[in-house]
Amino acid sequence: MNHVFISSLAKPLSRWLQAFPDLVHVAPESAIDGADLVWLDAASLKAALPEMMVRLQLIQRRFVVLDAVPDDDAAIKAVQSGACGYAHRHAKPAQLEEIAAVVDAGGLWVGPSVMQKVMQISKFVAREAASVGVDTDLSVLTERELAVAQEVGKGLNNREIAQVLGVTERTVKAHLTVAFEKLAVRDRVQLALLMNGISI
């Protein structure tokens, strides 16, 4: 996967390079041919960010917005503008790799607080439109997988789920991976919607 980081910085942040040693770092006005995933450094792009998002949408490039001070409203606006993800620009290399994997699988990456807002909206939509509900056979999940899926449906992140269920975060991740496969969902956003009876 070819990662292109667009920023006004003289060089990419070291954690970006740790996650993707072969990344391409370009200025906002540069061409982005051959990019599989574009990472936008919102902090350095500032006023140019909205225009960059429109440009990337027009040329059908998947992109993730990296923000210095993540904000739920900015995250929702980025997703509405076509972003496949929204995260902190100083996210750890492992998290950047995880974001790339989710986006590569066709998923959406957002923070837990944004996820909770999505769930609140989804529950409202489900109440307002009875026809939106969906029949999902949850019997394919084990008791523990179901418990993890239900907590995802409440908008909890992996650490919170681990605390609630008294297991490790690694165990939560393992149950989620199996649940995604059994329920044929790409990511936790789709799983959360499914657990709240919202068609995907």
N, C-alpha and C. Protein backbone atom coordinates (compact mmCIF):
# COMPACT_ATOMS: atom_id res chain seq x y z
N MET A 1 0.85 -1.19 0.00
CA MET A 1 0.00 0.00 0.00
C MET A 1 0.89 1.24 0.00
N ASN A 2 0.63 2.16 -0.93
CA ASN A 2 1.40 3.40 -1.02
C ASN A 2 0.77 4.49 -0.16
N HIS A 3 1.52 4.97 0.83
CA HIS A 3 1.04 6.00 1.74
C HIS A 3 1.66 7.34 1.37
N VAL A 4 0.81 8.34 1.14
CA VAL A 4 1.27 9.69 0.84
C VAL A 4 0.80 10.61 1.96
N PHE A 5 1.75 11.27 2.60
CA PHE A 5 1.43 12.22 3.66
C PHE A 5 1.56 13.63 3.10
N ILE A 6 0.47 14.38 3.17
CA ILE A 6 0.49 15.76 2.67
C ILE A 6 0.54 16.70 3.87
N SER A 7 1.60 17.50 3.92
CA SER A 7 1.73 18.48 5.01
C SER A 7 2.64 19.61 4.56
N SER A 8 2.62 20.68 5.34
CA SER A 8 3.49 21.82 5.07
C SER A 8 4.78 21.74 5.86
N LEU A 9 4.98 20.63 6.57
CA LEU A 9 6.20 20.43 7.34
C LEU A 9 7.38 20.20 6.39
N ALA A 10 8.58 20.52 6.86
CA ALA A 10 9.78 20.31 6.05
C ALA A 10 10.05 18.82 5.87
N LYS A 11 9.70 18.01 6.87
CA LYS A 11 9.88 16.56 6.77
C LYS A 11 8.78 15.87 7.58
N PRO A 12 8.52 14.60 7.29
CA PRO A 12 7.45 13.91 8.02
C PRO A 12 7.83 13.67 9.48
N LEU A 13 6.81 13.54 10.32
CA LEU A 13 7.04 13.23 11.73
C LEU A 13 7.67 11.83 11.82
N SER A 14 8.51 11.63 12.83
CA SER A 14 9.22 10.35 12.97
C SER A 14 8.26 9.18 13.17
N ARG A 15 7.15 9.42 13.87
CA ARG A 15 6.19 8.32 14.10
C ARG A 15 5.49 7.91 12.81
N TRP A 16 5.32 8.84 11.88
CA TRP A 16 4.76 8.48 10.58
C TRP A 16 5.72 7.54 9.85
N LEU A 17 7.02 7.89 9.93
CA LEU A 17 8.05 7.06 9.28
C LEU A 17 8.19 5.71 9.96
N GLN A 18 8.00 5.66 11.27
CA GLN A 18 8.07 4.38 11.97
C GLN A 18 6.96 3.45 11.49
N ALA A 19 5.77 4.03 11.28
CA ALA A 19 4.64 3.22 10.82
C ALA A 19 4.79 2.82 9.36
N PHE A 20 5.25 3.76 8.54
CA PHE A 20 5.34 3.52 7.09
C PHE A 20 6.69 4.02 6.57
N PRO A 21 7.74 3.22 6.70
CA PRO A 21 9.09 3.65 6.30
C PRO A 21 9.20 4.09 4.84
N ASP A 22 8.31 3.57 3.98
CA ASP A 22 8.38 3.91 2.55
C ASP A 22 7.40 5.02 2.16
N LEU A 23 6.88 5.74 3.14
CA LEU A 23 5.89 6.77 2.83
C LEU A 23 6.47 7.85 1.92
N VAL A 24 5.58 8.54 1.22
CA VAL A 24 5.96 9.68 0.40
C VAL A 24 5.41 10.92 1.08
N HIS A 25 6.27 11.90 1.32
CA HIS A 25 5.87 13.14 2.00
C HIS A 25 5.88 14.27 0.98
N VAL A 26 4.73 14.92 0.78
CA VAL A 26 4.64 15.97 -0.24
C VAL A 26 3.98 17.23 0.31
N ALA A 27 4.24 18.33 -0.39
CA ALA A 27 3.62 19.62 -0.06
C ALA A 27 2.19 19.62 -0.62
N PRO A 28 1.33 20.50 -0.07
CA PRO A 28 -0.09 20.53 -0.50
C PRO A 28 -0.31 20.68 -2.00
N GLU A 29 0.56 21.42 -2.67
CA GLU A 29 0.35 21.67 -4.11
C GLU A 29 0.90 20.56 -5.00
N SER A 30 1.53 19.55 -4.41
CA SER A 30 2.14 18.47 -5.19
C SER A 30 1.10 17.50 -5.76
N ALA A 31 1.53 16.81 -6.82
CA ALA A 31 0.69 15.75 -7.40
C ALA A 31 0.72 14.54 -6.47
N ILE A 32 -0.36 13.77 -6.46
CA ILE A 32 -0.42 12.61 -5.57
C ILE A 32 -0.74 11.33 -6.35
N ASP A 33 -0.14 11.23 -7.51
CA ASP A 33 -0.34 10.04 -8.34
C ASP A 33 0.19 8.81 -7.63
N GLY A 34 -0.52 7.70 -7.79
CA GLY A 34 -0.06 6.44 -7.24
C GLY A 34 -0.32 6.24 -5.76
N ALA A 35 -1.05 7.14 -5.13
CA ALA A 35 -1.33 7.01 -3.69
C ALA A 35 -2.50 6.07 -3.47
N ASP A 36 -2.30 5.06 -2.61
CA ASP A 36 -3.40 4.18 -2.22
C ASP A 36 -4.17 4.80 -1.06
N LEU A 37 -3.41 5.47 -0.17
CA LEU A 37 -4.03 6.13 0.98
C LEU A 37 -3.29 7.43 1.24
N VAL A 38 -4.06 8.51 1.32
CA VAL A 38 -3.50 9.84 1.56
C VAL A 38 -3.80 10.25 3.00
N TRP A 39 -2.78 10.75 3.67
CA TRP A 39 -2.89 11.22 5.05
C TRP A 39 -2.74 12.74 5.03
N LEU A 40 -3.75 13.45 5.50
CA LEU A 40 -3.73 14.91 5.51
C LEU A 40 -3.38 15.44 6.89
N ASP A 41 -2.30 16.20 6.98
CA ASP A 41 -1.89 16.80 8.25
C ASP A 41 -2.66 18.11 8.44
N ALA A 42 -3.82 18.01 9.08
CA ALA A 42 -4.72 19.16 9.23
C ALA A 42 -4.04 20.33 9.93
N ALA A 43 -3.17 20.03 10.89
CA ALA A 43 -2.52 21.09 11.67
C ALA A 43 -1.65 21.98 10.79
N SER A 44 -0.96 21.40 9.82
CA SER A 44 -0.10 22.23 8.98
C SER A 44 -0.83 22.75 7.73
N LEU A 45 -1.90 22.06 7.33
CA LEU A 45 -2.64 22.51 6.14
C LEU A 45 -3.59 23.66 6.45
N LYS A 46 -4.14 23.65 7.66
CA LYS A 46 -5.05 24.69 8.16
C LYS A 46 -6.15 25.03 7.16
N ALA A 47 -6.16 26.27 6.64
CA ALA A 47 -7.26 26.73 5.77
C ALA A 47 -7.35 25.95 4.46
N ALA A 48 -6.26 25.31 4.06
CA ALA A 48 -6.26 24.56 2.80
C ALA A 48 -6.91 23.17 2.93
N LEU A 49 -7.20 22.74 4.18
CA LEU A 49 -7.73 21.40 4.39
C LEU A 49 -9.04 21.13 3.65
N PRO A 50 -10.06 22.01 3.77
CA PRO A 50 -11.33 21.73 3.06
C PRO A 50 -11.14 21.55 1.55
N GLU A 51 -10.30 22.38 0.97
CA GLU A 51 -10.04 22.29 -0.47
C GLU A 51 -9.33 20.98 -0.81
N MET A 52 -8.40 20.56 0.05
CA MET A 52 -7.69 19.30 -0.18
C MET A 52 -8.66 18.12 -0.13
N MET A 53 -9.60 18.15 0.83
CA MET A 53 -10.55 17.05 0.95
C MET A 53 -11.44 16.96 -0.29
N VAL A 54 -11.87 18.11 -0.80
CA VAL A 54 -12.69 18.14 -2.01
C VAL A 54 -11.89 17.58 -3.19
N ARG A 55 -10.64 18.02 -3.29
CA ARG A 55 -9.76 17.55 -4.38
C ARG A 55 -9.60 16.03 -4.34
N LEU A 56 -9.37 15.49 -3.16
CA LEU A 56 -9.17 14.04 -3.03
C LEU A 56 -10.45 13.27 -3.34
N GLN A 57 -11.58 13.85 -2.96
CA GLN A 57 -12.85 13.19 -3.26
C GLN A 57 -13.09 13.17 -4.77
N LEU A 58 -12.77 14.26 -5.42
CA LEU A 58 -12.98 14.36 -6.87
C LEU A 58 -12.13 13.34 -7.64
N ILE A 59 -10.91 13.10 -7.16
CA ILE A 59 -10.05 12.14 -7.87
C ILE A 59 -10.16 10.75 -7.24
N GLN A 60 -11.14 10.58 -6.36
CA GLN A 60 -11.47 9.29 -5.76
C GLN A 60 -10.28 8.64 -5.05
N ARG A 61 -9.65 9.43 -4.18
CA ARG A 61 -8.55 8.91 -3.36
C ARG A 61 -9.05 8.77 -1.92
N ARG A 62 -8.74 7.64 -1.30
CA ARG A 62 -9.08 7.45 0.11
C ARG A 62 -8.13 8.29 0.95
N PHE A 63 -8.68 8.93 2.00
CA PHE A 63 -7.81 9.76 2.82
C PHE A 63 -8.21 9.73 4.29
N VAL A 64 -7.20 10.00 5.13
CA VAL A 64 -7.37 10.07 6.58
C VAL A 64 -6.91 11.45 7.01
N VAL A 65 -7.67 12.10 7.89
CA VAL A 65 -7.30 13.41 8.42
C VAL A 65 -6.61 13.22 9.77
N LEU A 66 -5.43 13.82 9.90
CA LEU A 66 -4.68 13.79 11.16
C LEU A 66 -4.72 15.18 11.77
N ASP A 67 -5.25 15.29 12.97
CA ASP A 67 -5.44 16.59 13.60
C ASP A 67 -4.60 16.72 14.88
N ALA A 68 -4.09 17.92 15.13
CA ALA A 68 -3.27 18.15 16.33
C ALA A 68 -4.12 18.13 17.59
N VAL A 69 -5.33 18.65 17.49
CA VAL A 69 -6.26 18.66 18.62
C VAL A 69 -7.57 18.07 18.13
N PRO A 70 -7.69 16.73 18.17
CA PRO A 70 -8.90 16.10 17.64
C PRO A 70 -10.17 16.63 18.29
N ASP A 71 -11.17 16.81 17.45
CA ASP A 71 -12.43 17.41 17.86
C ASP A 71 -13.56 16.63 17.19
N ASP A 72 -14.58 16.28 17.96
CA ASP A 72 -15.67 15.46 17.42
C ASP A 72 -16.35 16.11 16.22
N ASP A 73 -16.61 17.41 16.32
CA ASP A 73 -17.29 18.09 15.22
C ASP A 73 -16.43 18.09 13.96
N ALA A 74 -15.10 18.30 14.15
CA ALA A 74 -14.19 18.27 13.01
C ALA A 74 -14.13 16.87 12.41
N ALA A 75 -14.19 15.85 13.27
CA ALA A 75 -14.18 14.47 12.79
C ALA A 75 -15.40 14.18 11.95
N ILE A 76 -16.56 14.58 12.44
CA ILE A 76 -17.81 14.35 11.70
C ILE A 76 -17.78 15.11 10.37
N LYS A 77 -17.27 16.34 10.39
CA LYS A 77 -17.18 17.12 9.15
C LYS A 77 -16.22 16.46 8.16
N ALA A 78 -15.11 15.91 8.67
CA ALA A 78 -14.15 15.23 7.79
C ALA A 78 -14.78 14.01 7.14
N VAL A 79 -15.49 13.23 7.94
CA VAL A 79 -16.15 12.03 7.40
C VAL A 79 -17.21 12.42 6.38
N GLN A 80 -17.96 13.47 6.68
CA GLN A 80 -18.97 13.95 5.73
C GLN A 80 -18.32 14.42 4.43
N SER A 81 -17.05 14.85 4.53
CA SER A 81 -16.32 15.32 3.34
C SER A 81 -15.60 14.19 2.62
N GLY A 82 -15.83 12.95 3.07
CA GLY A 82 -15.28 11.79 2.37
C GLY A 82 -14.12 11.10 3.04
N ALA A 83 -13.67 11.59 4.21
CA ALA A 83 -12.54 10.94 4.90
C ALA A 83 -12.90 9.53 5.34
N CYS A 84 -11.94 8.64 5.25
CA CYS A 84 -12.12 7.25 5.71
C CYS A 84 -11.64 7.10 7.15
N GLY A 85 -11.06 8.17 7.69
CA GLY A 85 -10.57 8.12 9.05
C GLY A 85 -10.22 9.49 9.57
N TYR A 86 -10.17 9.58 10.89
CA TYR A 86 -9.83 10.84 11.56
C TYR A 86 -9.12 10.46 12.85
N ALA A 87 -7.89 10.97 13.03
CA ALA A 87 -7.12 10.59 14.21
C ALA A 87 -6.16 11.69 14.62
N HIS A 88 -5.49 11.48 15.74
CA HIS A 88 -4.50 12.43 16.24
C HIS A 88 -3.25 12.35 15.37
N ARG A 89 -2.67 13.49 15.04
CA ARG A 89 -1.48 13.49 14.17
C ARG A 89 -0.27 12.87 14.88
N HIS A 90 -0.33 12.78 16.21
CA HIS A 90 0.76 12.16 16.97
C HIS A 90 0.37 10.76 17.46
N ALA A 91 -0.53 10.12 16.73
CA ALA A 91 -0.92 8.74 17.08
C ALA A 91 0.31 7.84 17.01
N LYS A 92 0.33 6.82 17.84
CA LYS A 92 1.46 5.89 17.85
C LYS A 92 1.53 5.14 16.53
N PRO A 93 2.73 4.75 16.12
CA PRO A 93 2.88 4.01 14.85
C PRO A 93 1.95 2.80 14.73
N ALA A 94 1.78 2.06 15.83
CA ALA A 94 0.90 0.87 15.78
C ALA A 94 -0.54 1.27 15.47
N GLN A 95 -0.97 2.41 16.01
CA GLN A 95 -2.34 2.86 15.74
C GLN A 95 -2.47 3.31 14.29
N LEU A 96 -1.45 3.99 13.76
CA LEU A 96 -1.48 4.40 12.35
C LEU A 96 -1.59 3.17 11.45
N GLU A 97 -0.84 2.12 11.79
CA GLU A 97 -0.90 0.88 11.01
C GLU A 97 -2.29 0.26 11.10
N GLU A 98 -2.89 0.32 12.29
CA GLU A 98 -4.24 -0.23 12.47
C GLU A 98 -5.26 0.56 11.66
N ILE A 99 -5.12 1.88 11.66
CA ILE A 99 -6.02 2.74 10.87
C ILE A 99 -5.91 2.36 9.39
N ALA A 100 -4.67 2.20 8.91
CA ALA A 100 -4.45 1.84 7.51
C ALA A 100 -5.10 0.50 7.18
N ALA A 101 -4.99 -0.46 8.09
CA ALA A 101 -5.59 -1.78 7.86
C ALA A 101 -7.11 -1.70 7.78
N VAL A 102 -7.71 -0.90 8.67
CA VAL A 102 -9.18 -0.74 8.67
C VAL A 102 -9.63 -0.09 7.37
N VAL A 103 -8.95 0.99 6.97
CA VAL A 103 -9.31 1.70 5.75
C VAL A 103 -9.09 0.80 4.52
N ASP A 104 -7.99 0.05 4.52
CA ASP A 104 -7.69 -0.85 3.41
C ASP A 104 -8.77 -1.91 3.25
N ALA A 105 -9.38 -2.30 4.37
CA ALA A 105 -10.45 -3.31 4.34
C ALA A 105 -11.80 -2.68 4.01
N GLY A 106 -11.80 -1.37 3.73
CA GLY A 106 -13.04 -0.70 3.37
C GLY A 106 -13.79 -0.12 4.54
N GLY A 107 -13.14 -0.07 5.69
CA GLY A 107 -13.78 0.42 6.90
C GLY A 107 -13.55 1.91 7.15
N LEU A 108 -14.10 2.36 8.26
CA LEU A 108 -14.01 3.75 8.69
C LEU A 108 -13.38 3.78 10.07
N TRP A 109 -12.44 4.70 10.28
CA TRP A 109 -11.78 4.81 11.59
C TRP A 109 -12.14 6.16 12.21
N VAL A 110 -12.79 6.11 13.37
CA VAL A 110 -13.07 7.33 14.14
C VAL A 110 -12.82 7.02 15.62
N GLY A 111 -12.66 8.06 16.42
CA GLY A 111 -12.42 7.88 17.84
C GLY A 111 -13.67 7.43 18.58
N PRO A 112 -13.49 6.96 19.83
CA PRO A 112 -14.63 6.45 20.60
C PRO A 112 -15.72 7.48 20.87
N SER A 113 -15.35 8.74 21.09
CA SER A 113 -16.38 9.74 21.38
C SER A 113 -17.24 10.02 20.15
N VAL A 114 -16.61 10.00 18.97
CA VAL A 114 -17.38 10.17 17.73
C VAL A 114 -18.28 8.95 17.52
N MET A 115 -17.72 7.77 17.83
CA MET A 115 -18.50 6.53 17.73
C MET A 115 -19.75 6.61 18.61
N GLN A 116 -19.61 7.14 19.82
CA GLN A 116 -20.76 7.26 20.72
C GLN A 116 -21.81 8.20 20.14
N LYS A 117 -21.37 9.28 19.50
CA LYS A 117 -22.32 10.21 18.86
C LYS A 117 -23.05 9.51 17.71
N VAL A 118 -22.30 8.73 16.94
CA VAL A 118 -22.91 7.98 15.82
C VAL A 118 -23.97 7.03 16.37
N MET A 119 -23.65 6.38 17.49
CA MET A 119 -24.60 5.43 18.09
C MET A 119 -25.87 6.15 18.57
N GLN A 120 -25.70 7.33 19.16
CA GLN A 120 -26.87 8.09 19.62
C GLN A 120 -27.76 8.47 18.44
N ILE A 121 -27.12 8.92 17.35
CA ILE A 121 -27.88 9.28 16.15
C ILE A 121 -28.57 8.04 15.58
N SER A 122 -27.83 6.93 15.54
CA SER A 122 -28.37 5.68 14.99
C SER A 122 -29.59 5.21 15.77
N LYS A 123 -29.51 5.30 17.10
CA LYS A 123 -30.64 4.86 17.93
C LYS A 123 -31.87 5.74 17.67
N PHE A 124 -31.62 7.03 17.47
CA PHE A 124 -32.72 7.95 17.16
C PHE A 124 -33.36 7.58 15.82
N VAL A 125 -32.49 7.31 14.82
CA VAL A 125 -32.97 6.94 13.49
C VAL A 125 -33.78 5.65 13.57
N ALA A 126 -33.29 4.70 14.34
CA ALA A 126 -33.99 3.41 14.47
C ALA A 126 -35.37 3.59 15.08
N ARG A 127 -35.48 4.47 16.06
CA ARG A 127 -36.79 4.72 16.69
C ARG A 127 -37.73 5.43 15.73
N GLU A 128 -37.17 6.36 14.94
CA GLU A 128 -38.01 7.17 14.05
C GLU A 128 -38.45 6.41 12.80
N ALA A 129 -37.66 5.43 12.40
CA ALA A 129 -37.98 4.70 11.16
C ALA A 129 -37.94 3.20 11.42
N ALA A 130 -39.07 2.64 11.74
CA ALA A 130 -39.14 1.22 12.11
C ALA A 130 -38.67 0.32 10.98
N SER A 131 -38.80 0.77 9.75
CA SER A 131 -38.40 -0.05 8.61
C SER A 131 -36.89 -0.20 8.48
N VAL A 132 -36.14 0.57 9.26
CA VAL A 132 -34.69 0.53 9.14
C VAL A 132 -34.11 -0.68 9.86
N GLY A 133 -34.85 -1.26 10.77
CA GLY A 133 -34.34 -2.38 11.57
C GLY A 133 -33.87 -3.53 10.71
N VAL A 134 -33.03 -4.35 11.28
CA VAL A 134 -32.46 -5.45 10.52
C VAL A 134 -32.42 -6.70 11.39
N ASP A 135 -32.74 -7.84 10.78
CA ASP A 135 -32.69 -9.12 11.49
C ASP A 135 -31.29 -9.69 11.38
N THR A 136 -30.61 -9.80 12.48
CA THR A 136 -29.26 -10.36 12.49
C THR A 136 -29.25 -11.57 13.38
N ASP A 137 -28.68 -12.66 12.87
CA ASP A 137 -28.59 -13.89 13.65
C ASP A 137 -27.36 -13.82 14.55
N LEU A 138 -27.58 -13.38 15.78
CA LEU A 138 -26.48 -13.25 16.73
C LEU A 138 -26.11 -14.59 17.37
N SER A 139 -26.89 -15.63 17.06
CA SER A 139 -26.62 -16.95 17.65
C SER A 139 -25.31 -17.55 17.12
N VAL A 140 -24.77 -16.95 16.04
CA VAL A 140 -23.49 -17.45 15.51
C VAL A 140 -22.32 -17.05 16.43
N LEU A 141 -22.56 -16.09 17.31
CA LEU A 141 -21.52 -15.63 18.22
C LEU A 141 -21.51 -16.45 19.51
N THR A 142 -20.32 -16.62 20.08
CA THR A 142 -20.24 -17.25 21.39
C THR A 142 -20.74 -16.23 22.42
N GLU A 143 -20.92 -16.69 23.63
CA GLU A 143 -21.40 -15.80 24.70
C GLU A 143 -20.45 -14.62 24.89
N ARG A 144 -19.15 -14.88 24.87
CA ARG A 144 -18.15 -13.82 25.08
C ARG A 144 -18.09 -12.87 23.88
N GLU A 145 -18.16 -13.42 22.66
CA GLU A 145 -18.16 -12.57 21.46
C GLU A 145 -19.37 -11.65 21.46
N LEU A 146 -20.52 -12.20 21.86
CA LEU A 146 -21.74 -11.40 21.93
C LEU A 146 -21.60 -10.28 22.95
N ALA A 147 -21.02 -10.60 24.10
CA ALA A 147 -20.83 -9.59 25.15
C ALA A 147 -19.95 -8.45 24.64
N VAL A 148 -18.88 -8.79 23.93
CA VAL A 148 -17.99 -7.76 23.37
C VAL A 148 -18.75 -6.93 22.34
N ALA A 149 -19.50 -7.60 21.46
CA ALA A 149 -20.26 -6.90 20.42
C ALA A 149 -21.29 -5.94 21.03
N GLN A 150 -21.92 -6.36 22.11
CA GLN A 150 -22.91 -5.50 22.77
C GLN A 150 -22.25 -4.25 23.34
N GLU A 151 -21.05 -4.39 23.88
CA GLU A 151 -20.34 -3.23 24.42
C GLU A 151 -19.91 -2.28 23.30
N VAL A 152 -19.53 -2.86 22.15
CA VAL A 152 -19.21 -2.03 20.98
C VAL A 152 -20.46 -1.24 20.57
N GLY A 153 -21.61 -1.90 20.64
CA GLY A 153 -22.87 -1.24 20.32
C GLY A 153 -23.20 -0.07 21.21
N LYS A 154 -22.62 -0.07 22.42
CA LYS A 154 -22.80 1.05 23.34
C LYS A 154 -21.80 2.17 23.08
N GLY A 155 -20.85 1.92 22.17
CA GLY A 155 -19.85 2.93 21.83
C GLY A 155 -18.58 2.86 22.65
N LEU A 156 -18.37 1.77 23.39
CA LEU A 156 -17.16 1.64 24.20
C LEU A 156 -15.96 1.28 23.34
N ASN A 157 -14.78 1.75 23.76
CA ASN A 157 -13.55 1.37 23.06
C ASN A 157 -13.01 0.08 23.67
N ASN A 158 -11.95 -0.48 23.09
CA ASN A 158 -11.43 -1.77 23.53
C ASN A 158 -10.99 -1.77 24.99
N ARG A 159 -10.35 -0.69 25.43
CA ARG A 159 -9.90 -0.62 26.82
C ARG A 159 -11.08 -0.64 27.78
N GLU A 160 -12.12 0.12 27.44
CA GLU A 160 -13.31 0.16 28.30
C GLU A 160 -14.01 -1.20 28.33
N ILE A 161 -14.07 -1.86 27.17
CA ILE A 161 -14.70 -3.18 27.10
C ILE A 161 -13.93 -4.17 27.96
N ALA A 162 -12.61 -4.11 27.88
CA ALA A 162 -11.76 -5.00 28.67
C ALA A 162 -12.03 -4.82 30.16
N GLN A 163 -12.19 -3.56 30.58
CA GLN A 163 -12.46 -3.28 32.00
C GLN A 163 -13.83 -3.81 32.41
N VAL A 164 -14.84 -3.57 31.57
CA VAL A 164 -16.20 -4.01 31.87
C VAL A 164 -16.29 -5.53 31.97
N LEU A 165 -15.63 -6.22 31.05
CA LEU A 165 -15.73 -7.68 30.99
C LEU A 165 -14.63 -8.41 31.79
N GLY A 166 -13.68 -7.65 32.32
CA GLY A 166 -12.62 -8.26 33.11
C GLY A 166 -11.67 -9.14 32.30
N VAL A 167 -11.37 -8.69 31.08
CA VAL A 167 -10.44 -9.42 30.21
C VAL A 167 -9.37 -8.45 29.71
N THR A 168 -8.42 -8.95 28.94
CA THR A 168 -7.38 -8.08 28.40
C THR A 168 -7.86 -7.44 27.09
N GLU A 169 -7.20 -6.34 26.71
CA GLU A 169 -7.53 -5.69 25.43
C GLU A 169 -7.25 -6.64 24.27
N ARG A 170 -6.22 -7.47 24.42
CA ARG A 170 -5.88 -8.43 23.38
C ARG A 170 -7.02 -9.42 23.17
N THR A 171 -7.64 -9.84 24.28
CA THR A 171 -8.77 -10.77 24.19
C THR A 171 -9.95 -10.10 23.50
N VAL A 172 -10.19 -8.83 23.83
CA VAL A 172 -11.27 -8.08 23.19
C VAL A 172 -11.03 -8.02 21.68
N LYS A 173 -9.80 -7.69 21.27
CA LYS A 173 -9.47 -7.62 19.84
C LYS A 173 -9.71 -8.97 19.15
N ALA A 174 -9.33 -10.04 19.83
CA ALA A 174 -9.51 -11.38 19.24
C ALA A 174 -10.99 -11.69 19.04
N HIS A 175 -11.82 -11.38 20.05
CA HIS A 175 -13.26 -11.61 19.93
C HIS A 175 -13.86 -10.75 18.82
N LEU A 176 -13.40 -9.51 18.70
CA LEU A 176 -13.91 -8.61 17.66
C LEU A 176 -13.58 -9.14 16.27
N THR A 177 -12.36 -9.60 16.09
CA THR A 177 -11.95 -10.13 14.79
C THR A 177 -12.88 -11.27 14.35
N VAL A 178 -13.17 -12.18 15.28
CA VAL A 178 -14.05 -13.32 14.98
C VAL A 178 -15.48 -12.83 14.73
N ALA A 179 -15.94 -11.89 15.56
CA ALA A 179 -17.31 -11.36 15.40
C ALA A 179 -17.48 -10.67 14.06
N PHE A 180 -16.47 -9.88 13.63
CA PHE A 180 -16.53 -9.23 12.32
C PHE A 180 -16.75 -10.27 11.22
N GLU A 181 -15.97 -11.36 11.30
CA GLU A 181 -16.04 -12.40 10.27
C GLU A 181 -17.39 -13.11 10.30
N LYS A 182 -17.85 -13.48 11.49
CA LYS A 182 -19.11 -14.23 11.59
C LYS A 182 -20.31 -13.39 11.16
N LEU A 183 -20.27 -12.09 11.44
CA LEU A 183 -21.41 -11.22 11.11
C LEU A 183 -21.22 -10.51 9.77
N ALA A 184 -20.10 -10.78 9.10
CA ALA A 184 -19.81 -10.19 7.79
C ALA A 184 -19.83 -8.67 7.83
N VAL A 185 -19.14 -8.10 8.83
CA VAL A 185 -18.99 -6.64 8.91
C VAL A 185 -17.51 -6.31 8.78
N ARG A 186 -17.21 -5.10 8.30
CA ARG A 186 -15.82 -4.72 8.04
C ARG A 186 -15.12 -4.16 9.27
N ASP A 187 -15.86 -3.44 10.11
CA ASP A 187 -15.20 -2.73 11.20
C ASP A 187 -16.16 -2.51 12.36
N ARG A 188 -15.68 -1.84 13.41
CA ARG A 188 -16.49 -1.66 14.61
C ARG A 188 -17.65 -0.69 14.38
N VAL A 189 -17.53 0.22 13.43
CA VAL A 189 -18.66 1.12 13.13
C VAL A 189 -19.83 0.29 12.61
N GLN A 190 -19.56 -0.59 11.64
CA GLN A 190 -20.62 -1.43 11.10
C GLN A 190 -21.18 -2.37 12.17
N LEU A 191 -20.29 -2.91 13.01
CA LEU A 191 -20.74 -3.79 14.08
C LEU A 191 -21.66 -3.04 15.05
N ALA A 192 -21.25 -1.83 15.41
CA ALA A 192 -22.04 -1.03 16.34
C ALA A 192 -23.43 -0.72 15.75
N LEU A 193 -23.46 -0.36 14.47
CA LEU A 193 -24.75 -0.10 13.82
C LEU A 193 -25.62 -1.35 13.83
N LEU A 194 -24.99 -2.48 13.50
CA LEU A 194 -25.72 -3.75 13.47
C LEU A 194 -26.29 -4.08 14.84
N MET A 195 -25.49 -3.86 15.89
CA MET A 195 -25.94 -4.17 17.26
C MET A 195 -27.06 -3.25 17.72
N ASN A 196 -27.23 -2.12 17.00
CA ASN A 196 -28.31 -1.19 17.33
C ASN A 196 -29.47 -1.31 16.34
N GLY A 197 -29.46 -2.38 15.54
CA GLY A 197 -30.58 -2.63 14.64
C GLY A 197 -30.64 -1.73 13.43
N ILE A 198 -29.47 -1.19 13.03
CA ILE A 198 -29.44 -0.28 11.89
C ILE A 198 -28.90 -1.03 10.69
N SER A 199 -29.61 -0.97 9.57
CA SER A 199 -29.20 -1.63 8.34
C SER A 199 -27.90 -1.03 7.83
N ILE A 200 -27.01 -1.88 7.33
CA ILE A 200 -25.73 -1.39 6.79
C ILE A 200 -25.56 -1.81 5.35
